[in-house]
């Protein structure tokens, strides 16, 4: 009986590991604020990481291949400003950015490919977030030109909890019909509890034009990740494996009081 008990406990532990490892991965860019007014501090703290947002499980993140900001149609390279840090033993990246001009700032990152042994794939999440600066609300729907990108149809700031967010999923500049989009809440303080796994990662599909819609029920940061398979493969230990490309955007909401 004792051996049977230990065997069952071991099986439960293994199942727990695989269930937790199967939860959605998200690239993240989280600024300290999504709207910088004239009265606010002009310094933004920007965090870049790879994580399961709802559960708070981190993955190791190598230095990104590209990191920058698009302002008024012009890209500014910020890769050299990124500094490595550690959270729960995993590498994350951050920088302090000083806002100098009005207009929407689109921060974006291209990470190094992440090898996921459990799924035998490489993961590359092209991630972005929009920060409005100094009252000039222009540029939020500008395309960065990433290989995979969500282009917002809803202005991605100044949103209340309960507002709808819409975006177009694009790969190589073209809409992706019926793209699958994973949606997850950044459960930063861990206080929000999911009654079962399907509540952790919401799943929606775009329409035939690549347009998706989601109503965000709670205040905080929400991540949208449209996942597609790349038309190329990468090698790992002499073998070629598929590449999951993610078009990711982060959107912030606030409670109406």
C-alpha atoms as a PDB file:
ATOM      1  CA  UNK A   1       0.000   0.000   0.000  1.00  0.00           C
ATOM      2  CA  UNK A   2       2.831   2.359   0.786  1.00  0.00           C
ATOM      3  CA  UNK A   3       4.398   1.818  -2.660  1.00  0.00           C
ATOM      4  CA  UNK A   4       1.028   2.444  -4.316  1.00  0.00           C
ATOM      5  CA  UNK A   5       0.640   5.730  -2.418  1.00  0.00           C
ATOM      6  CA  UNK A   6       4.090   6.935  -3.397  1.00  0.00           C
ATOM      7  CA  UNK A   7       3.488   6.013  -7.016  1.00  0.00           C
ATOM      8  CA  UNK A   8       0.218   7.967  -7.091  1.00  0.00           C
ATOM      9  CA  UNK A   9       1.890  10.978  -5.485  1.00  0.00           C
ATOM     10  CA  UNK A  10       4.656  10.866  -8.070  1.00  0.00           C
ATOM     11  CA  UNK A  11       2.155  10.671 -10.910  1.00  0.00           C
ATOM     12  CA  UNK A  12       0.256  13.643  -9.481  1.00  0.00           C
ATOM     13  CA  UNK A  13       3.488  15.632  -9.276  1.00  0.00           C
ATOM     14  CA  UNK A  14       4.364  14.828 -12.888  1.00  0.00           C
ATOM     15  CA  UNK A  15       0.877  15.748 -14.083  1.00  0.00           C
ATOM     16  CA  UNK A  16       1.030  19.035 -12.181  1.00  0.00           C
ATOM     17  CA  UNK A  17       4.329  19.860 -13.834  1.00  0.00           C
ATOM     18  CA  UNK A  18       3.056  19.206 -17.347  1.00  0.00           C
ATOM     19  CA  UNK A  19      -0.212  21.063 -16.790  1.00  0.00           C
ATOM     20  CA  UNK A  20       1.592  24.131 -15.454  1.00  0.00           C
ATOM     21  CA  UNK A  21       4.193  24.015 -18.215  1.00  0.00           C
ATOM     22  CA  UNK A  22       1.433  23.927 -20.846  1.00  0.00           C
ATOM     23  CA  UNK A  23       0.008  27.322 -19.834  1.00  0.00           C
ATOM     24  CA  UNK A  24       0.396  30.203 -22.262  1.00  0.00           C
ATOM     25  CA  UNK A  25       3.705  32.004 -22.685  1.00  0.00           C
ATOM     26  CA  UNK A  26       3.651  35.769 -23.205  1.00  0.00           C
ATOM     27  CA  UNK A  27       6.337  38.233 -24.146  1.00  0.00           C
ATOM     28  CA  UNK A  28       5.853  41.353 -22.049  1.00  0.00           C
ATOM     29  CA  UNK A  29       6.666  45.049 -22.193  1.00  0.00           C
ATOM     30  CA  UNK A  30       5.213  46.777 -19.157  1.00  0.00           C
ATOM     31  CA  UNK A  31       5.786  50.529 -18.683  1.00  0.00           C
ATOM     32  CA  UNK A  32       5.293  52.222 -15.317  1.00  0.00           C
ATOM     33  CA  UNK A  33       2.428  54.200 -16.884  1.00  0.00           C
ATOM     34  CA  UNK A  34       0.483  54.107 -20.151  1.00  0.00           C
ATOM     35  CA  UNK A  35      -0.282  57.852 -20.166  1.00  0.00           C
ATOM     36  CA  UNK A  36       2.312  60.537 -19.368  1.00  0.00           C
ATOM     37  CA  UNK A  37       0.657  63.912 -18.859  1.00  0.00           C
ATOM     38  CA  UNK A  38       2.388  67.273 -18.641  1.00  0.00           C
ATOM     39  CA  UNK A  39       2.145  67.140 -14.827  1.00  0.00           C
ATOM     40  CA  UNK A  40       3.626  63.615 -14.539  1.00  0.00           C
ATOM     41  CA  UNK A  41       7.217  62.564 -14.156  1.00  0.00           C
ATOM     42  CA  UNK A  42       8.731  62.169 -17.596  1.00  0.00           C
ATOM     43  CA  UNK A  43      10.671  59.064 -16.550  1.00  0.00           C
ATOM     44  CA  UNK A  44       9.194  55.712 -17.550  1.00  0.00           C
ATOM     45  CA  UNK A  45      10.412  52.443 -16.080  1.00  0.00           C
ATOM     46  CA  UNK A  46       9.981  49.766 -18.724  1.00  0.00           C
ATOM     47  CA  UNK A  47      10.130  46.042 -17.930  1.00  0.00           C
ATOM     48  CA  UNK A  48      10.748  43.402 -20.601  1.00  0.00           C
ATOM     49  CA  UNK A  49      10.246  39.731 -19.708  1.00  0.00           C
ATOM     50  CA  UNK A  50       8.928  36.316 -20.734  1.00  0.00           C
ATOM     51  CA  UNK A  51       6.285  34.963 -18.402  1.00  0.00           C
ATOM     52  CA  UNK A  52       2.992  33.183 -17.724  1.00  0.00           C
ATOM     53  CA  UNK A  53       1.235  36.429 -16.718  1.00  0.00           C
ATOM     54  CA  UNK A  54      -1.678  35.095 -14.708  1.00  0.00           C
ATOM     55  CA  UNK A  55       0.325  32.561 -12.712  1.00  0.00           C
ATOM     56  CA  UNK A  56       3.530  34.576 -12.356  1.00  0.00           C
ATOM     57  CA  UNK A  57       5.782  31.802 -13.688  1.00  0.00           C
ATOM     58  CA  UNK A  58       8.862  33.267 -15.356  1.00  0.00           C
ATOM     59  CA  UNK A  59      11.016  31.889 -18.169  1.00  0.00           C
ATOM     60  CA  UNK A  60      14.653  32.688 -18.797  1.00  0.00           C
ATOM     61  CA  UNK A  61      14.992  35.519 -21.308  1.00  0.00           C
ATOM     62  CA  UNK A  62      18.176  36.079 -23.301  1.00  0.00           C
ATOM     63  CA  UNK A  63      19.075  39.594 -24.386  1.00  0.00           C
ATOM     64  CA  UNK A  64      16.595  40.688 -27.088  1.00  0.00           C
ATOM     65  CA  UNK A  65      17.699  41.009 -30.679  1.00  0.00           C
ATOM     66  CA  UNK A  66      15.944  44.374 -30.975  1.00  0.00           C
ATOM     67  CA  UNK A  67      14.285  46.854 -28.632  1.00  0.00           C
ATOM     68  CA  UNK A  68      13.128  50.317 -29.528  1.00  0.00           C
ATOM     69  CA  UNK A  69      10.384  52.922 -29.689  1.00  0.00           C
ATOM     70  CA  UNK A  70       8.455  54.288 -32.645  1.00  0.00           C
ATOM     71  CA  UNK A  71       7.503  57.981 -32.351  1.00  0.00           C
ATOM     72  CA  UNK A  72       5.908  60.067 -35.109  1.00  0.00           C
ATOM     73  CA  UNK A  73       6.871  57.445 -37.693  1.00  0.00           C
ATOM     74  CA  UNK A  74      10.520  57.245 -36.656  1.00  0.00           C
ATOM     75  CA  UNK A  75      12.193  54.323 -34.890  1.00  0.00           C
ATOM     76  CA  UNK A  76      14.708  54.878 -32.084  1.00  0.00           C
ATOM     77  CA  UNK A  77      17.025  52.008 -31.100  1.00  0.00           C
ATOM     78  CA  UNK A  78      17.035  51.452 -27.324  1.00  0.00           C
ATOM     79  CA  UNK A  79      18.698  48.036 -27.163  1.00  0.00           C
ATOM     80  CA  UNK A  80      21.898  49.319 -25.555  1.00  0.00           C
ATOM     81  CA  UNK A  81      19.847  50.894 -22.732  1.00  0.00           C
ATOM     82  CA  UNK A  82      18.440  47.545 -21.539  1.00  0.00           C
ATOM     83  CA  UNK A  83      19.890  46.225 -18.283  1.00  0.00           C
ATOM     84  CA  UNK A  84      19.586  42.645 -17.069  1.00  0.00           C
ATOM     85  CA  UNK A  85      17.995  41.810 -13.736  1.00  0.00           C
ATOM     86  CA  UNK A  86      16.727  38.757 -11.865  1.00  0.00           C
ATOM     87  CA  UNK A  87      13.204  37.869 -10.713  1.00  0.00           C
ATOM     88  CA  UNK A  88      12.643  34.500  -9.032  1.00  0.00           C
ATOM     89  CA  UNK A  89      16.008  33.427 -10.413  1.00  0.00           C
ATOM     90  CA  UNK A  90      15.135  34.236 -14.045  1.00  0.00           C
ATOM     91  CA  UNK A  91      16.652  36.932 -16.253  1.00  0.00           C
ATOM     92  CA  UNK A  92      14.474  39.934 -17.059  1.00  0.00           C
ATOM     93  CA  UNK A  93      15.329  43.255 -18.706  1.00  0.00           C
ATOM     94  CA  UNK A  94      14.499  46.839 -17.899  1.00  0.00           C
ATOM     95  CA  UNK A  95      15.366  50.415 -18.697  1.00  0.00           C
ATOM     96  CA  UNK A  96      14.480  53.968 -17.719  1.00  0.00           C
ATOM     97  CA  UNK A  97      13.193  56.021 -20.634  1.00  0.00           C
ATOM     98  CA  UNK A  98      12.751  59.788 -20.467  1.00  0.00           C
ATOM     99  CA  UNK A  99       9.848  61.172 -22.493  1.00  0.00           C
ATOM    100  CA  UNK A 100      11.037  64.179 -24.479  1.00  0.00           C
ATOM    101  CA  UNK A 101       8.345  64.830 -27.072  1.00  0.00           C
ATOM    102  CA  UNK A 102       4.561  64.592 -27.373  1.00  0.00           C
ATOM    103  CA  UNK A 103       2.826  61.838 -29.280  1.00  0.00           C
ATOM    104  CA  UNK A 104       2.178  58.135 -28.955  1.00  0.00           C
ATOM    105  CA  UNK A 105       5.257  56.065 -28.140  1.00  0.00           C
ATOM    106  CA  UNK A 106       5.150  52.461 -29.405  1.00  0.00           C
ATOM    107  CA  UNK A 107       7.727  50.392 -27.539  1.00  0.00           C
ATOM    108  CA  UNK A 108       8.559  47.083 -29.217  1.00  0.00           C
ATOM    109  CA  UNK A 109      10.845  44.113 -28.746  1.00  0.00           C
ATOM    110  CA  UNK A 110      12.114  41.225 -30.863  1.00  0.00           C
ATOM    111  CA  UNK A 111      13.395  38.530 -28.478  1.00  0.00           C
ATOM    112  CA  UNK A 112      15.976  35.884 -29.173  1.00  0.00           C
ATOM    113  CA  UNK A 113      14.278  32.543 -30.060  1.00  0.00           C
ATOM    114  CA  UNK A 114      13.251  30.623 -26.934  1.00  0.00           C
ATOM    115  CA  UNK A 115      13.582  26.835 -27.032  1.00  0.00           C
ATOM    116  CA  UNK A 116      10.590  25.130 -25.406  1.00  0.00           C
ATOM    117  CA  UNK A 117      11.562  21.482 -24.787  1.00  0.00           C
ATOM    118  CA  UNK A 118       8.094  20.418 -23.601  1.00  0.00           C
ATOM    119  CA  UNK A 119       6.557  21.343 -26.959  1.00  0.00           C
ATOM    120  CA  UNK A 120       9.690  20.905 -29.110  1.00  0.00           C
ATOM    121  CA  UNK A 121       9.312  24.331 -30.699  1.00  0.00           C
ATOM    122  CA  UNK A 122      11.071  27.671 -30.748  1.00  0.00           C
ATOM    123  CA  UNK A 123       9.045  30.679 -29.588  1.00  0.00           C
ATOM    124  CA  UNK A 124       9.491  34.259 -30.824  1.00  0.00           C
ATOM    125  CA  UNK A 125       7.000  36.806 -29.489  1.00  0.00           C
ATOM    126  CA  UNK A 126       7.142  40.184 -31.223  1.00  0.00           C
ATOM    127  CA  UNK A 127       5.734  42.361 -28.462  1.00  0.00           C
ATOM    128  CA  UNK A 128       4.663  45.983 -28.200  1.00  0.00           C
ATOM    129  CA  UNK A 129       2.894  48.478 -25.948  1.00  0.00           C
ATOM    130  CA  UNK A 130       1.675  52.031 -26.576  1.00  0.00           C
ATOM    131  CA  UNK A 131       2.304  54.945 -24.194  1.00  0.00           C
ATOM    132  CA  UNK A 132       0.618  58.281 -24.802  1.00  0.00           C
ATOM    133  CA  UNK A 133       2.778  61.317 -24.062  1.00  0.00           C
ATOM    134  CA  UNK A 134       1.994  64.915 -23.272  1.00  0.00           C
ATOM    135  CA  UNK A 135      -1.537  65.066 -24.634  1.00  0.00           C
ATOM    136  CA  UNK A 136      -0.843  64.405 -28.321  1.00  0.00           C
ATOM    137  CA  UNK A 137      -2.979  61.381 -29.261  1.00  0.00           C
ATOM    138  CA  UNK A 138      -1.483  60.483 -32.627  1.00  0.00           C
ATOM    139  CA  UNK A 139       0.297  57.399 -33.887  1.00  0.00           C
ATOM    140  CA  UNK A 140      -1.203  54.614 -31.754  1.00  0.00           C
ATOM    141  CA  UNK A 141      -2.384  52.676 -34.829  1.00  0.00           C
ATOM    142  CA  UNK A 142       0.893  53.022 -36.736  1.00  0.00           C
ATOM    143  CA  UNK A 143       2.418  49.706 -37.791  1.00  0.00           C
ATOM    144  CA  UNK A 144       5.911  49.040 -36.470  1.00  0.00           C
ATOM    145  CA  UNK A 145       6.591  46.605 -39.315  1.00  0.00           C
ATOM    146  CA  UNK A 146       7.244  43.536 -37.154  1.00  0.00           C
ATOM    147  CA  UNK A 147       7.082  40.094 -38.834  1.00  0.00           C
ATOM    148  CA  UNK A 148       4.018  39.369 -36.670  1.00  0.00           C
ATOM    149  CA  UNK A 149       2.023  42.281 -35.283  1.00  0.00           C
ATOM    150  CA  UNK A 150      -1.322  43.227 -33.762  1.00  0.00           C
ATOM    151  CA  UNK A 151      -2.458  46.592 -35.104  1.00  0.00           C
ATOM    152  CA  UNK A 152      -5.002  48.164 -32.701  1.00  0.00           C
ATOM    153  CA  UNK A 153      -8.383  49.324 -33.937  1.00  0.00           C
ATOM    154  CA  UNK A 154      -9.227  50.559 -30.438  1.00  0.00           C
ATOM    155  CA  UNK A 155      -7.019  53.298 -29.020  1.00  0.00           C
ATOM    156  CA  UNK A 156      -4.931  51.179 -26.611  1.00  0.00           C
ATOM    157  CA  UNK A 157      -4.868  53.602 -23.679  1.00  0.00           C
ATOM    158  CA  UNK A 158      -7.415  55.596 -21.696  1.00  0.00           C
ATOM    159  CA  UNK A 159      -9.548  52.464 -21.311  1.00  0.00           C
ATOM    160  CA  UNK A 160     -11.957  51.556 -18.508  1.00  0.00           C
ATOM    161  CA  UNK A 161     -12.419  48.017 -17.234  1.00  0.00           C
ATOM    162  CA  UNK A 162     -15.257  46.592 -19.323  1.00  0.00           C
ATOM    163  CA  UNK A 163     -14.231  48.429 -22.497  1.00  0.00           C
ATOM    164  CA  UNK A 164     -13.796  46.428 -25.683  1.00  0.00           C
ATOM    165  CA  UNK A 165     -10.421  46.117 -27.387  1.00  0.00           C
ATOM    166  CA  UNK A 166     -10.175  45.339 -31.102  1.00  0.00           C
ATOM    167  CA  UNK A 167      -7.119  44.618 -33.204  1.00  0.00           C
ATOM    168  CA  UNK A 168      -6.032  43.188 -36.551  1.00  0.00           C
ATOM    169  CA  UNK A 169      -3.633  40.234 -36.596  1.00  0.00           C
ATOM    170  CA  UNK A 170      -0.999  40.642 -39.298  1.00  0.00           C
ATOM    171  CA  UNK A 171       1.897  38.475 -40.451  1.00  0.00           C
ATOM    172  CA  UNK A 172       4.363  40.021 -42.897  1.00  0.00           C
ATOM    173  CA  UNK A 173       1.997  42.969 -43.191  1.00  0.00           C
ATOM    174  CA  UNK A 174      -1.045  40.924 -44.255  1.00  0.00           C
ATOM    175  CA  UNK A 175      -4.164  40.153 -42.160  1.00  0.00           C
ATOM    176  CA  UNK A 176      -4.457  36.575 -40.895  1.00  0.00           C
ATOM    177  CA  UNK A 177      -8.010  35.201 -41.303  1.00  0.00           C
ATOM    178  CA  UNK A 178      -9.374  33.336 -38.278  1.00  0.00           C
ATOM    179  CA  UNK A 179      -6.151  33.733 -36.297  1.00  0.00           C
ATOM    180  CA  UNK A 180      -6.261  32.303 -32.785  1.00  0.00           C
ATOM    181  CA  UNK A 181      -5.639  34.890 -30.084  1.00  0.00           C
ATOM    182  CA  UNK A 182      -4.790  34.066 -26.483  1.00  0.00           C
ATOM    183  CA  UNK A 183      -5.746  36.642 -23.850  1.00  0.00           C
ATOM    184  CA  UNK A 184      -4.352  36.742 -20.345  1.00  0.00           C
ATOM    185  CA  UNK A 185      -4.513  39.073 -17.355  1.00  0.00           C
ATOM    186  CA  UNK A 186      -1.271  40.132 -15.656  1.00  0.00           C
ATOM    187  CA  UNK A 187      -2.089  38.906 -12.164  1.00  0.00           C
ATOM    188  CA  UNK A 188       0.705  40.949 -10.625  1.00  0.00           C
ATOM    189  CA  UNK A 189      -0.320  40.642  -6.985  1.00  0.00           C
ATOM    190  CA  UNK A 190      -1.578  37.065  -7.303  1.00  0.00           C
ATOM    191  CA  UNK A 191      -4.936  37.950  -5.732  1.00  0.00           C
ATOM    192  CA  UNK A 192      -7.113  36.961  -8.674  1.00  0.00           C
ATOM    193  CA  UNK A 193      -7.936  33.249  -8.538  1.00  0.00           C
ATOM    194  CA  UNK A 194      -9.064  31.142 -11.488  1.00  0.00           C
ATOM    195  CA  UNK A 195     -11.718  28.500 -10.714  1.00  0.00           C
ATOM    196  CA  UNK A 196     -10.201  26.213 -13.383  1.00  0.00           C
ATOM    197  CA  UNK A 197      -7.500  26.290 -16.064  1.00  0.00           C
ATOM    198  CA  UNK A 198      -9.644  27.602 -18.969  1.00  0.00           C
ATOM    199  CA  UNK A 199     -10.126  30.859 -17.020  1.00  0.00           C
ATOM    200  CA  UNK A 200      -6.376  31.507 -16.955  1.00  0.00           C
ATOM    201  CA  UNK A 201      -5.926  31.897 -20.702  1.00  0.00           C
ATOM    202  CA  UNK A 202      -8.958  33.120 -22.632  1.00  0.00           C
ATOM    203  CA  UNK A 203      -9.026  32.031 -26.287  1.00  0.00           C
ATOM    204  CA  UNK A 204     -10.757  33.902 -29.106  1.00  0.00           C
ATOM    205  CA  UNK A 205     -10.542  33.807 -32.903  1.00  0.00           C
ATOM    206  CA  UNK A 206     -10.272  36.626 -35.381  1.00  0.00           C
ATOM    207  CA  UNK A 207     -12.779  36.931 -38.191  1.00  0.00           C
ATOM    208  CA  UNK A 208     -12.033  36.438 -41.899  1.00  0.00           C
ATOM    209  CA  UNK A 209     -10.343  39.876 -41.983  1.00  0.00           C
ATOM    210  CA  UNK A 210      -8.024  39.092 -39.055  1.00  0.00           C
ATOM    211  CA  UNK A 211     -10.031  41.311 -36.656  1.00  0.00           C
ATOM    212  CA  UNK A 212     -10.650  40.168 -33.068  1.00  0.00           C
ATOM    213  CA  UNK A 213     -12.681  41.660 -30.221  1.00  0.00           C
ATOM    214  CA  UNK A 214     -12.434  41.214 -26.454  1.00  0.00           C
ATOM    215  CA  UNK A 215     -14.044  43.004 -23.480  1.00  0.00           C
ATOM    216  CA  UNK A 216     -11.619  43.365 -20.559  1.00  0.00           C
ATOM    217  CA  UNK A 217     -13.523  42.734 -17.296  1.00  0.00           C
ATOM    218  CA  UNK A 218     -10.950  43.890 -14.751  1.00  0.00           C
ATOM    219  CA  UNK A 219      -8.562  46.795 -14.200  1.00  0.00           C
ATOM    220  CA  UNK A 220      -4.899  46.148 -14.936  1.00  0.00           C
ATOM    221  CA  UNK A 221      -2.707  44.968 -17.794  1.00  0.00           C
ATOM    222  CA  UNK A 222      -4.089  42.614 -20.455  1.00  0.00           C
ATOM    223  CA  UNK A 223      -1.975  40.722 -22.978  1.00  0.00           C
ATOM    224  CA  UNK A 224      -3.164  39.645 -26.430  1.00  0.00           C
ATOM    225  CA  UNK A 225      -1.043  37.057 -28.267  1.00  0.00           C
ATOM    226  CA  UNK A 226      -1.881  35.926 -31.803  1.00  0.00           C
ATOM    227  CA  UNK A 227       0.051  32.728 -32.497  1.00  0.00           C
ATOM    228  CA  UNK A 228       1.051  31.454 -35.937  1.00  0.00           C
ATOM    229  CA  UNK A 229       3.687  29.047 -37.243  1.00  0.00           C
ATOM    230  CA  UNK A 230       6.606  30.585 -39.124  1.00  0.00           C
ATOM    231  CA  UNK A 231       7.433  29.490 -42.670  1.00  0.00           C
ATOM    232  CA  UNK A 232      10.932  28.493 -41.545  1.00  0.00           C
ATOM    233  CA  UNK A 233      12.509  26.234 -38.944  1.00  0.00           C
ATOM    234  CA  UNK A 234      15.417  26.587 -36.513  1.00  0.00           C
ATOM    235  CA  UNK A 235      17.974  24.011 -35.478  1.00  0.00           C
ATOM    236  CA  UNK A 236      18.449  22.576 -32.003  1.00  0.00           C
ATOM    237  CA  UNK A 237      21.123  19.940 -31.448  1.00  0.00           C
ATOM    238  CA  UNK A 238      21.323  19.172 -35.136  1.00  0.00           C
ATOM    239  CA  UNK A 239      17.572  18.837 -35.751  1.00  0.00           C
ATOM    240  CA  UNK A 240      15.153  21.343 -37.226  1.00  0.00           C
ATOM    241  CA  UNK A 241      12.082  22.395 -35.259  1.00  0.00           C
ATOM    242  CA  UNK A 242       9.063  24.627 -36.006  1.00  0.00           C
ATOM    243  CA  UNK A 243       8.922  28.228 -34.834  1.00  0.00           C
ATOM    244  CA  UNK A 244       5.895  29.747 -33.090  1.00  0.00           C
ATOM    245  CA  UNK A 245       5.669  33.451 -33.854  1.00  0.00           C
ATOM    246  CA  UNK A 246       3.538  35.538 -31.555  1.00  0.00           C
ATOM    247  CA  UNK A 247       2.133  38.980 -32.287  1.00  0.00           C
ATOM    248  CA  UNK A 248       1.675  40.423 -28.794  1.00  0.00           C
ATOM    249  CA  UNK A 249       0.254  43.711 -27.538  1.00  0.00           C
ATOM    250  CA  UNK A 250      -0.335  44.873 -23.949  1.00  0.00           C
ATOM    251  CA  UNK A 251      -3.250  47.107 -22.976  1.00  0.00           C
ATOM    252  CA  UNK A 252      -4.030  48.782 -19.647  1.00  0.00           C
ATOM    253  CA  UNK A 253      -7.473  49.400 -18.096  1.00  0.00           C
ATOM    254  CA  UNK A 254      -8.649  51.287 -15.023  1.00  0.00           C
ATOM    255  CA  UNK A 255     -11.728  51.056 -12.808  1.00  0.00           C
ATOM    256  CA  UNK A 256     -14.321  53.772 -13.292  1.00  0.00           C
ATOM    257  CA  UNK A 257     -15.024  55.511  -9.971  1.00  0.00           C
END
